Amino acid sequence: NAKNTVDLQMNSLRSEDTAVYYCNAAARGVRD
C-alpha cells in the first residue's frame, strides 16, 4: 500500500518459469 504496487515474489524458480511477465489491472470506471 505504501508504494501502491502489487508484487510477485518468485522463489525456487525453474527453467519453465522463463517468460515475459505482464501485470494486468481490472478496473471499473467510477463514471461509467
Full PDB file with SEQRES, HELIX, SHEET, SSBOND, CRYST1, ORIGX, SCALE, CONECT and MASTER records, all heavy atoms in Angstrom:
SEQRES   1 A   32  ASN ALA LYS ASN THR VAL ASP LEU GLN MET ASN SER LEU          
SEQRES   2 A   32  ARG SER GLU ASP THR ALA VAL TYR TYR CYS ASN ALA ALA          
SEQRES   3 A   32  ALA ARG GLY VAL ARG ASP                                      
HELIX    1 AA1 SER A   15  ASP A   17  5                                   3    
CRYST1    1.000    1.000    1.000  90.00  90.00  90.00 P 1           1          
ORIGX1      1.000000  0.000000  0.000000        0.00000                         
ORIGX2      0.000000  1.000000  0.000000        0.00000                         
ORIGX3      0.000000  0.000000  1.000000        0.00000                         
SCALE1      1.000000  0.000000  0.000000        0.00000                         
SCALE2      0.000000  1.000000  0.000000        0.00000                         
SCALE3      0.000000  0.000000  1.000000        0.00000                         
ATOM      1  N   ASN A   1       0.809  -1.212   0.000  1.00  0.00           N  
ATOM      2  CA  ASN A   1       0.000   0.000   0.000  1.00  0.00           C  
ATOM      3  C   ASN A   1       0.849   1.272   0.000  1.00  0.00           C  
ATOM      4  O   ASN A   1       0.479   2.274  -0.609  1.00  0.00           O  
ATOM      5  CB  ASN A   1      -0.935   0.009   1.206  1.00  0.00           C  
ATOM      6  CG  ASN A   1      -2.015  -1.033   1.113  1.00  0.00           C  
ATOM      7  OD1 ASN A   1      -2.498  -1.358   0.025  1.00  0.00           O  
ATOM      8  ND2 ASN A   1      -2.421  -1.572   2.256  1.00  0.00           N  
ATOM      9  N   ALA A   2       1.969   1.228   0.678  1.00  0.00           N  
ATOM     10  CA  ALA A   2       2.825   2.408   0.764  1.00  0.00           C  
ATOM     11  C   ALA A   2       3.374   2.801  -0.597  1.00  0.00           C  
ATOM     12  O   ALA A   2       3.499   3.990  -0.915  1.00  0.00           O  
ATOM     13  CB  ALA A   2       3.958   2.164   1.748  1.00  0.00           C  
ATOM     14  N   LYS A   3       3.711   1.817  -1.400  1.00  0.00           N  
ATOM     15  CA  LYS A   3       4.279   2.075  -2.719  1.00  0.00           C  
ATOM     16  C   LYS A   3       3.255   2.001  -3.835  1.00  0.00           C  
ATOM     17  O   LYS A   3       3.593   2.254  -4.995  1.00  0.00           O  
ATOM     18  CB  LYS A   3       5.409   1.093  -2.999  1.00  0.00           C  
ATOM     19  CG  LYS A   3       6.593   1.224  -2.065  1.00  0.00           C  
ATOM     20  CD  LYS A   3       7.699   0.257  -2.447  1.00  0.00           C  
ATOM     21  CE  LYS A   3       8.908   0.413  -1.552  1.00  0.00           C  
ATOM     22  NZ  LYS A   3      10.001  -0.523  -1.923  1.00  0.00           N  
ATOM     23  N   ASN A   4       2.041   1.634  -3.497  1.00  0.00           N  
ATOM     24  CA  ASN A   4       0.978   1.464  -4.489  1.00  0.00           C  
ATOM     25  C   ASN A   4       1.400   0.478  -5.574  1.00  0.00           C  
ATOM     26  O   ASN A   4       1.276   0.748  -6.769  1.00  0.00           O  
ATOM     27  CB  ASN A   4       0.587   2.807  -5.102  1.00  0.00           C  
ATOM     28  CG  ASN A   4      -0.756   2.751  -5.805  1.00  0.00           C  
ATOM     29  OD1 ASN A   4      -1.650   1.994  -5.419  1.00  0.00           O  
ATOM     30  ND2 ASN A   4      -0.921   3.561  -6.840  1.00  0.00           N  
ATOM     31  N   THR A   5       1.884  -0.648  -5.143  1.00  0.00           N  
ATOM     32  CA  THR A   5       2.312  -1.679  -6.070  1.00  0.00           C  
ATOM     33  C   THR A   5       1.715  -3.025  -5.680  1.00  0.00           C  
ATOM     34  O   THR A   5       1.287  -3.240  -4.546  1.00  0.00           O  
ATOM     35  CB  THR A   5       3.840  -1.836  -6.113  1.00  0.00           C  
ATOM     36  OG1 THR A   5       4.323  -2.250  -4.832  1.00  0.00           O  
ATOM     37  CG2 THR A   5       4.507  -0.523  -6.514  1.00  0.00           C  
ATOM     38  N   VAL A   6       1.693  -3.911  -6.639  1.00  0.00           N  
ATOM     39  CA  VAL A   6       1.397  -5.311  -6.404  1.00  0.00           C  
ATOM     40  C   VAL A   6       2.643  -6.092  -6.783  1.00  0.00           C  
ATOM     41  O   VAL A   6       3.130  -5.993  -7.911  1.00  0.00           O  
ATOM     42  CB  VAL A   6       0.180  -5.796  -7.203  1.00  0.00           C  
ATOM     43  CG1 VAL A   6       0.024  -7.312  -7.077  1.00  0.00           C  
ATOM     44  CG2 VAL A   6      -1.083  -5.105  -6.698  1.00  0.00           C  
ATOM     45  N   ASP A   7       3.150  -6.851  -5.838  1.00  0.00           N  
ATOM     46  CA  ASP A   7       4.418  -7.530  -6.031  1.00  0.00           C  
ATOM     47  C   ASP A   7       4.220  -9.031  -6.176  1.00  0.00           C  
ATOM     48  O   ASP A   7       3.263  -9.605  -5.667  1.00  0.00           O  
ATOM     49  CB  ASP A   7       5.349  -7.258  -4.851  1.00  0.00           C  
ATOM     50  CG  ASP A   7       5.631  -5.781  -4.655  1.00  0.00           C  
ATOM     51  OD1 ASP A   7       5.579  -5.029  -5.650  1.00  0.00           O  
ATOM     52  OD2 ASP A   7       5.910  -5.380  -3.506  1.00  0.00           O  
ATOM     53  N   LEU A   8       5.136  -9.637  -6.880  1.00  0.00           N  
ATOM     54  CA  LEU A   8       5.139 -11.079  -7.043  1.00  0.00           C  
ATOM     55  C   LEU A   8       6.505 -11.596  -6.635  1.00  0.00           C  
ATOM     56  O   LEU A   8       7.495 -11.376  -7.339  1.00  0.00           O  
ATOM     57  CB  LEU A   8       4.830 -11.474  -8.486  1.00  0.00           C  
ATOM     58  CG  LEU A   8       4.707 -12.975  -8.753  1.00  0.00           C  
ATOM     59  CD1 LEU A   8       3.457 -13.536  -8.080  1.00  0.00           C  
ATOM     60  CD2 LEU A   8       4.668 -13.257 -10.253  1.00  0.00           C  
ATOM     61  N   GLN A   9       6.547 -12.236  -5.483  1.00  0.00           N  
ATOM     62  CA  GLN A   9       7.773 -12.863  -5.015  1.00  0.00           C  
ATOM     63  C   GLN A   9       7.852 -14.258  -5.612  1.00  0.00           C  
ATOM     64  O   GLN A   9       6.959 -15.077  -5.394  1.00  0.00           O  
ATOM     65  CB  GLN A   9       7.804 -12.934  -3.489  1.00  0.00           C  
ATOM     66  CG  GLN A   9       9.031 -13.613  -2.912  1.00  0.00           C  
ATOM     67  CD  GLN A   9      10.297 -12.840  -3.173  1.00  0.00           C  
ATOM     68  OE1 GLN A   9      10.330 -11.625  -3.004  1.00  0.00           O  
ATOM     69  NE2 GLN A   9      11.344 -13.533  -3.607  1.00  0.00           N  
ATOM     70  N   MET A  10       8.907 -14.519  -6.339  1.00  0.00           N  
ATOM     71  CA  MET A  10       9.078 -15.784  -7.025  1.00  0.00           C  
ATOM     72  C   MET A  10      10.294 -16.496  -6.458  1.00  0.00           C  
ATOM     73  O   MET A  10      11.418 -16.013  -6.582  1.00  0.00           O  
ATOM     74  CB  MET A  10       9.236 -15.574  -8.529  1.00  0.00           C  
ATOM     75  CG  MET A  10       8.106 -14.763  -9.158  1.00  0.00           C  
ATOM     76  SD  MET A  10       8.211 -14.686 -10.969  1.00  0.00           S  
ATOM     77  CE  MET A  10       9.754 -13.788 -11.148  1.00  0.00           C  
ATOM     78  N   ASN A  11      10.052 -17.624  -5.836  1.00  0.00           N  
ATOM     79  CA  ASN A  11      11.114 -18.431  -5.257  1.00  0.00           C  
ATOM     80  C   ASN A  11      11.204 -19.772  -5.965  1.00  0.00           C  
ATOM     81  O   ASN A  11      10.290 -20.186  -6.667  1.00  0.00           O  
ATOM     82  CB  ASN A  11      10.865 -18.655  -3.764  1.00  0.00           C  
ATOM     83  CG  ASN A  11      10.825 -17.375  -2.963  1.00  0.00           C  
ATOM     84  OD1 ASN A  11      11.536 -16.424  -3.265  1.00  0.00           O  
ATOM     85  ND2 ASN A  11       9.994 -17.345  -1.925  1.00  0.00           N  
ATOM     86  N   SER A  12      12.312 -20.441  -5.742  1.00  0.00           N  
ATOM     87  CA  SER A  12      12.532 -21.766  -6.328  1.00  0.00           C  
ATOM     88  C   SER A  12      12.236 -21.775  -7.821  1.00  0.00           C  
ATOM     89  O   SER A  12      11.540 -22.652  -8.338  1.00  0.00           O  
ATOM     90  CB  SER A  12      11.671 -22.805  -5.600  1.00  0.00           C  
ATOM     91  OG  SER A  12      11.959 -22.836  -4.221  1.00  0.00           O  
ATOM     92  N   LEU A  13      12.785 -20.812  -8.501  1.00  0.00           N  
ATOM     93  CA  LEU A  13      12.490 -20.653  -9.919  1.00  0.00           C  
ATOM     94  C   LEU A  13      13.032 -21.810 -10.747  1.00  0.00           C  
ATOM     95  O   LEU A  13      14.097 -22.358 -10.455  1.00  0.00           O  
ATOM     96  CB  LEU A  13      13.045 -19.331 -10.426  1.00  0.00           C  
ATOM     97  CG  LEU A  13      12.228 -18.105 -10.005  1.00  0.00           C  
ATOM     98  CD1 LEU A  13      13.040 -16.831 -10.157  1.00  0.00           C  
ATOM     99  CD2 LEU A  13      10.944 -18.023 -10.837  1.00  0.00           C  
ATOM    100  N   ARG A  14      12.280 -22.144 -11.765  1.00  0.00           N  
ATOM    101  CA  ARG A  14      12.617 -23.218 -12.679  1.00  0.00           C  
ATOM    102  C   ARG A  14      12.741 -22.676 -14.088  1.00  0.00           C  
ATOM    103  O   ARG A  14      12.231 -21.603 -14.394  1.00  0.00           O  
ATOM    104  CB  ARG A  14      11.532 -24.302 -12.639  1.00  0.00           C  
ATOM    105  CG  ARG A  14      11.200 -24.813 -11.251  1.00  0.00           C  
ATOM    106  CD  ARG A  14       9.881 -25.553 -11.256  1.00  0.00           C  
ATOM    107  NE  ARG A  14       9.526 -26.066  -9.938  1.00  0.00           N  
ATOM    108  CZ  ARG A  14       8.328 -26.525  -9.611  1.00  0.00           C  
ATOM    109  NH1 ARG A  14       7.358 -26.555 -10.512  1.00  0.00           N  
ATOM    110  NH2 ARG A  14       8.096 -26.967  -8.383  1.00  0.00           N  
ATOM    111  N   SER A  15      13.382 -23.439 -14.943  1.00  0.00           N  
ATOM    112  CA  SER A  15      13.550 -23.002 -16.317  1.00  0.00           C  
ATOM    113  C   SER A  15      12.207 -22.772 -16.999  1.00  0.00           C  
ATOM    114  O   SER A  15      12.077 -21.874 -17.839  1.00  0.00           O  
ATOM    115  CB  SER A  15      14.380 -24.008 -17.112  1.00  0.00           C  
ATOM    116  OG  SER A  15      13.755 -25.281 -17.136  1.00  0.00           O  
ATOM    117  N   GLU A  16      11.212 -23.557 -16.632  1.00  0.00           N  
ATOM    118  CA  GLU A  16       9.899 -23.398 -17.234  1.00  0.00           C  
ATOM    119  C   GLU A  16       9.163 -22.141 -16.784  1.00  0.00           C  
ATOM    120  O   GLU A  16       8.092 -21.827 -17.306  1.00  0.00           O  
ATOM    121  CB  GLU A  16       9.019 -24.635 -16.977  1.00  0.00           C  
ATOM    122  CG  GLU A  16       8.901 -25.016 -15.512  1.00  0.00           C  
ATOM    123  CD  GLU A  16       9.871 -26.110 -15.106  1.00  0.00           C  
ATOM    124  OE1 GLU A  16      11.028 -26.086 -15.562  1.00  0.00           O  
ATOM    125  OE2 GLU A  16       9.458 -26.999 -14.331  1.00  0.00           O  
ATOM    126  N   ASP A  17       9.719 -21.433 -15.815  1.00  0.00           N  
ATOM    127  CA  ASP A  17       9.169 -20.149 -15.423  1.00  0.00           C  
ATOM    128  C   ASP A  17       9.617 -19.026 -16.357  1.00  0.00           C  
ATOM    129  O   ASP A  17       9.138 -17.896 -16.232  1.00  0.00           O  
ATOM    130  CB  ASP A  17       9.565 -19.796 -13.988  1.00  0.00           C  
ATOM    131  CG  ASP A  17       8.969 -20.752 -12.967  1.00  0.00           C  
ATOM    132  OD1 ASP A  17       7.781 -21.112 -13.105  1.00  0.00           O  
ATOM    133  OD2 ASP A  17       9.693 -21.132 -12.024  1.00  0.00           O  
ATOM    134  N   THR A  18      10.529 -19.326 -17.242  1.00  0.00           N  
ATOM    135  CA  THR A  18      11.005 -18.321 -18.183  1.00  0.00           C  
ATOM    136  C   THR A  18       9.862 -17.817 -19.058  1.00  0.00           C  
ATOM    137  O   THR A  18       9.159 -18.598 -19.694  1.00  0.00           O  
ATOM    138  CB  THR A  18      12.115 -18.901 -19.064  1.00  0.00           C  
ATOM    139  OG1 THR A  18      13.246 -19.232 -18.260  1.00  0.00           O  
ATOM    140  CG2 THR A  18      12.550 -17.904 -20.129  1.00  0.00           C  
ATOM    141  N   ALA A  19       9.670 -16.521 -19.067  1.00  0.00           N  
ATOM    142  CA  ALA A  19       8.576 -15.919 -19.814  1.00  0.00           C  
ATOM    143  C   ALA A  19       8.657 -14.410 -19.675  1.00  0.00           C  
ATOM    144  O   ALA A  19       9.406 -13.881 -18.856  1.00  0.00           O  
ATOM    145  CB  ALA A  19       7.221 -16.411 -19.295  1.00  0.00           C  
ATOM    146  N   VAL A  20       7.858 -13.740 -20.479  1.00  0.00           N  
ATOM    147  CA  VAL A  20       7.595 -12.331 -20.235  1.00  0.00           C  
ATOM    148  C   VAL A  20       6.430 -12.256 -19.263  1.00  0.00           C  
ATOM    149  O   VAL A  20       5.377 -12.857 -19.508  1.00  0.00           O  
ATOM    150  CB  VAL A  20       7.264 -11.571 -21.524  1.00  0.00           C  
ATOM    151  CG1 VAL A  20       6.939 -10.116 -21.222  1.00  0.00           C  
ATOM    152  CG2 VAL A  20       8.436 -11.647 -22.501  1.00  0.00           C  
ATOM    153  N   TYR A  21       6.629 -11.543 -18.193  1.00  0.00           N  
ATOM    154  CA  TYR A  21       5.604 -11.420 -17.168  1.00  0.00           C  
ATOM    155  C   TYR A  21       4.903 -10.077 -17.308  1.00  0.00           C  
ATOM    156  O   TYR A  21       5.546  -9.025 -17.396  1.00  0.00           O  
ATOM    157  CB  TYR A  21       6.219 -11.552 -15.774  1.00  0.00           C  
ATOM    158  CG  TYR A  21       6.538 -12.976 -15.410  1.00  0.00           C  
ATOM    159  CD1 TYR A  21       7.579 -13.653 -16.049  1.00  0.00           C  
ATOM    160  CD2 TYR A  21       5.799 -13.661 -14.448  1.00  0.00           C  
ATOM    161  CE1 TYR A  21       7.858 -14.971 -15.737  1.00  0.00           C  
ATOM    162  CE2 TYR A  21       6.080 -14.974 -14.127  1.00  0.00           C  
ATOM    163  CZ  TYR A  21       7.111 -15.629 -14.773  1.00  0.00           C  
ATOM    164  OH  TYR A  21       7.393 -16.932 -14.455  1.00  0.00           O  
ATOM    165  N   TYR A  22       3.582 -10.126 -17.323  1.00  0.00           N  
ATOM    166  CA  TYR A  22       2.765  -8.940 -17.511  1.00  0.00           C  
ATOM    167  C   TYR A  22       1.871  -8.705 -16.304  1.00  0.00           C  
ATOM    168  O   TYR A  22       1.322  -9.649 -15.732  1.00  0.00           O  
ATOM    169  CB  TYR A  22       1.863  -9.086 -18.743  1.00  0.00           C  
ATOM    170  CG  TYR A  22       2.593  -9.225 -20.051  1.00  0.00           C  
ATOM    171  CD1 TYR A  22       2.932 -10.477 -20.544  1.00  0.00           C  
ATOM    172  CD2 TYR A  22       2.920  -8.101 -20.805  1.00  0.00           C  
ATOM    173  CE1 TYR A  22       3.587 -10.613 -21.746  1.00  0.00           C  
ATOM    174  CE2 TYR A  22       3.573  -8.234 -22.013  1.00  0.00           C  
ATOM    175  CZ  TYR A  22       3.906  -9.489 -22.481  1.00  0.00           C  
ATOM    176  OH  TYR A  22       4.557  -9.612 -23.684  1.00  0.00           O  
ATOM    177  N   CYS A  23       1.714  -7.469 -15.970  1.00  0.00           N  
ATOM    178  CA  CYS A  23       0.765  -7.074 -14.940  1.00  0.00           C  
ATOM    179  C   CYS A  23      -0.523  -6.606 -15.595  1.00  0.00           C  
ATOM    180  O   CYS A  23      -0.494  -5.896 -16.600  1.00  0.00           O  
ATOM    181  CB  CYS A  23       1.363  -5.951 -14.087  1.00  0.00           C  
ATOM    182  SG  CYS A  23       0.320  -5.449 -12.702  1.00  0.00           S  
ATOM    183  N   ASN A  24      -1.628  -7.016 -15.033  1.00  0.00           N  
ATOM    184  CA  ASN A  24      -2.936  -6.624 -15.529  1.00  0.00           C  
ATOM    185  C   ASN A  24      -3.793  -6.111 -14.388  1.00  0.00           C  
ATOM    186  O   ASN A  24      -3.868  -6.733 -13.332  1.00  0.00           O  
ATOM    187  CB  ASN A  24      -3.635  -7.810 -16.202  1.00  0.00           C  
ATOM    188  CG  ASN A  24      -5.074  -7.505 -16.564  1.00  0.00           C  
ATOM    189  OD1 ASN A  24      -5.984  -7.701 -15.751  1.00  0.00           O  
ATOM    190  ND2 ASN A  24      -5.280  -7.029 -17.775  1.00  0.00           N  
ATOM    191  N   ALA A  25      -4.423  -4.992 -14.614  1.00  0.00           N  
ATOM    192  CA  ALA A  25      -5.339  -4.441 -13.631  1.00  0.00           C  
ATOM    193  C   ALA A  25      -6.735  -4.393 -14.220  1.00  0.00           C  
ATOM    194  O   ALA A  25      -6.943  -3.829 -15.301  1.00  0.00           O  
ATOM    195  CB  ALA A  25      -4.902  -3.045 -13.198  1.00  0.00           C  
ATOM    196  N   ALA A  26      -7.670  -5.011 -13.540  1.00  0.00           N  
ATOM    197  CA  ALA A  26      -9.074  -4.943 -13.913  1.00  0.00           C  
ATOM    198  C   ALA A  26      -9.715  -3.846 -13.084  1.00  0.00           C  
ATOM    199  O   ALA A  26      -9.774  -3.949 -11.861  1.00  0.00           O  
ATOM    200  CB  ALA A  26      -9.759  -6.281 -13.670  1.00  0.00           C  
ATOM    201  N   ALA A  27     -10.178  -2.810 -13.763  1.00  0.00           N  
ATOM    202  CA  ALA A  27     -10.653  -1.626 -13.063  1.00  0.00           C  
ATOM    203  C   ALA A  27     -11.985  -1.166 -13.617  1.00  0.00           C  
ATOM    204  O   ALA A  27     -12.212  -1.202 -14.832  1.00  0.00           O  
ATOM    205  CB  ALA A  27      -9.625  -0.497 -13.170  1.00  0.00           C  
ATOM    206  N   ARG A  28     -12.834  -0.722 -12.720  1.00  0.00           N  
ATOM    207  CA  ARG A  28     -14.145  -0.246 -13.101  1.00  0.00           C  
ATOM    208  C   ARG A  28     -14.170   1.274 -13.050  1.00  0.00           C  
ATOM    209  O   ARG A  28     -13.803   1.877 -12.042  1.00  0.00           O  
ATOM    210  CB  ARG A  28     -15.212  -0.823 -12.173  1.00  0.00           C  
ATOM    211  CG  ARG A  28     -16.639  -0.615 -12.653  1.00  0.00           C  
ATOM    212  CD  ARG A  28     -17.644  -1.279 -11.723  1.00  0.00           C  
ATOM    213  NE  ARG A  28     -17.412  -2.701 -11.589  1.00  0.00           N  
ATOM    214  CZ  ARG A  28     -17.835  -3.622 -12.447  1.00  0.00           C  
ATOM    215  NH1 ARG A  28     -18.514  -3.269 -13.529  1.00  0.00           N  
ATOM    216  NH2 ARG A  28     -17.568  -4.894 -12.228  1.00  0.00           N  
ATOM    217  N   GLY A  29     -14.601   1.891 -14.131  1.00  0.00           N  
ATOM    218  CA  GLY A  29     -14.678   3.328 -14.188  1.00  0.00           C  
ATOM    219  C   GLY A  29     -15.704   3.876 -13.221  1.00  0.00           C  
ATOM    220  O   GLY A  29     -16.837   3.384 -13.163  1.00  0.00           O  
ATOM    221  N   VAL A  30     -15.310   4.875 -12.468  1.00  0.00           N  
ATOM    222  CA  VAL A  30     -16.233   5.453 -11.493  1.00  0.00           C  
ATOM    223  C   VAL A  30     -17.347   6.234 -12.170  1.00  0.00           C  
ATOM    224  O   VAL A  30     -18.425   6.426 -11.589  1.00  0.00           O  
ATOM    225  CB  VAL A  30     -15.488   6.351 -10.488  1.00  0.00           C  
ATOM    226  CG1 VAL A  30     -14.492   5.534  -9.689  1.00  0.00           C  
ATOM    227  CG2 VAL A  30     -14.794   7.504 -11.188  1.00  0.00           C  
ATOM    228  N   ARG A  31     -17.111   6.678 -13.382  1.00  0.00           N  
ATOM    229  CA  ARG A  31     -18.104   7.470 -14.095  1.00  0.00           C  
ATOM    230  C   ARG A  31     -19.099   6.611 -14.861  1.00  0.00           C  
ATOM    231  O   ARG A  31     -20.313   6.864 -14.806  1.00  0.00           O  
ATOM    232  CB  ARG A  31     -17.424   8.451 -15.052  1.00  0.00           C  
ATOM    233  CG  ARG A  31     -18.378   9.409 -15.729  1.00  0.00           C  
ATOM    234  CD  ARG A  31     -17.642  10.526 -16.426  1.00  0.00           C  
ATOM    235  NE  ARG A  31     -18.542  11.487 -17.026  1.00  0.00           N  
ATOM    236  CZ  ARG A  31     -18.154  12.613 -17.595  1.00  0.00           C  
ATOM    237  NH1 ARG A  31     -16.862  12.915 -17.643  1.00  0.00           N  
ATOM    238  NH2 ARG A  31     -19.053  13.434 -18.115  1.00  0.00           N  
ATOM    239  N   ASP A  32     -18.618   5.614 -15.565  1.00  0.00           N  
ATOM    240  CA  ASP A  32     -19.499   4.797 -16.377  1.00  0.00           C  
ATOM    241  C   ASP A  32     -19.698   3.385 -15.843  1.00  0.00           C  
ATOM    242  O   ASP A  32     -20.558   2.660 -16.359  1.00  0.00           O  
ATOM    243  CB  ASP A  32     -19.018   4.747 -17.831  1.00  0.00           C  
ATOM    244  CG  ASP A  32     -17.623   4.169 -17.989  1.00  0.00           C  
ATOM    245  OD1 ASP A  32     -17.113   3.540 -17.038  1.00  0.00           O  
ATOM    246  OD2 ASP A  32     -17.037   4.340 -19.074  1.00  0.00           O  
TER     247      ASP A  32                                                      
MASTER        0    0    0    1    0    0    0    6  246    1    0    3          
END                                                                             
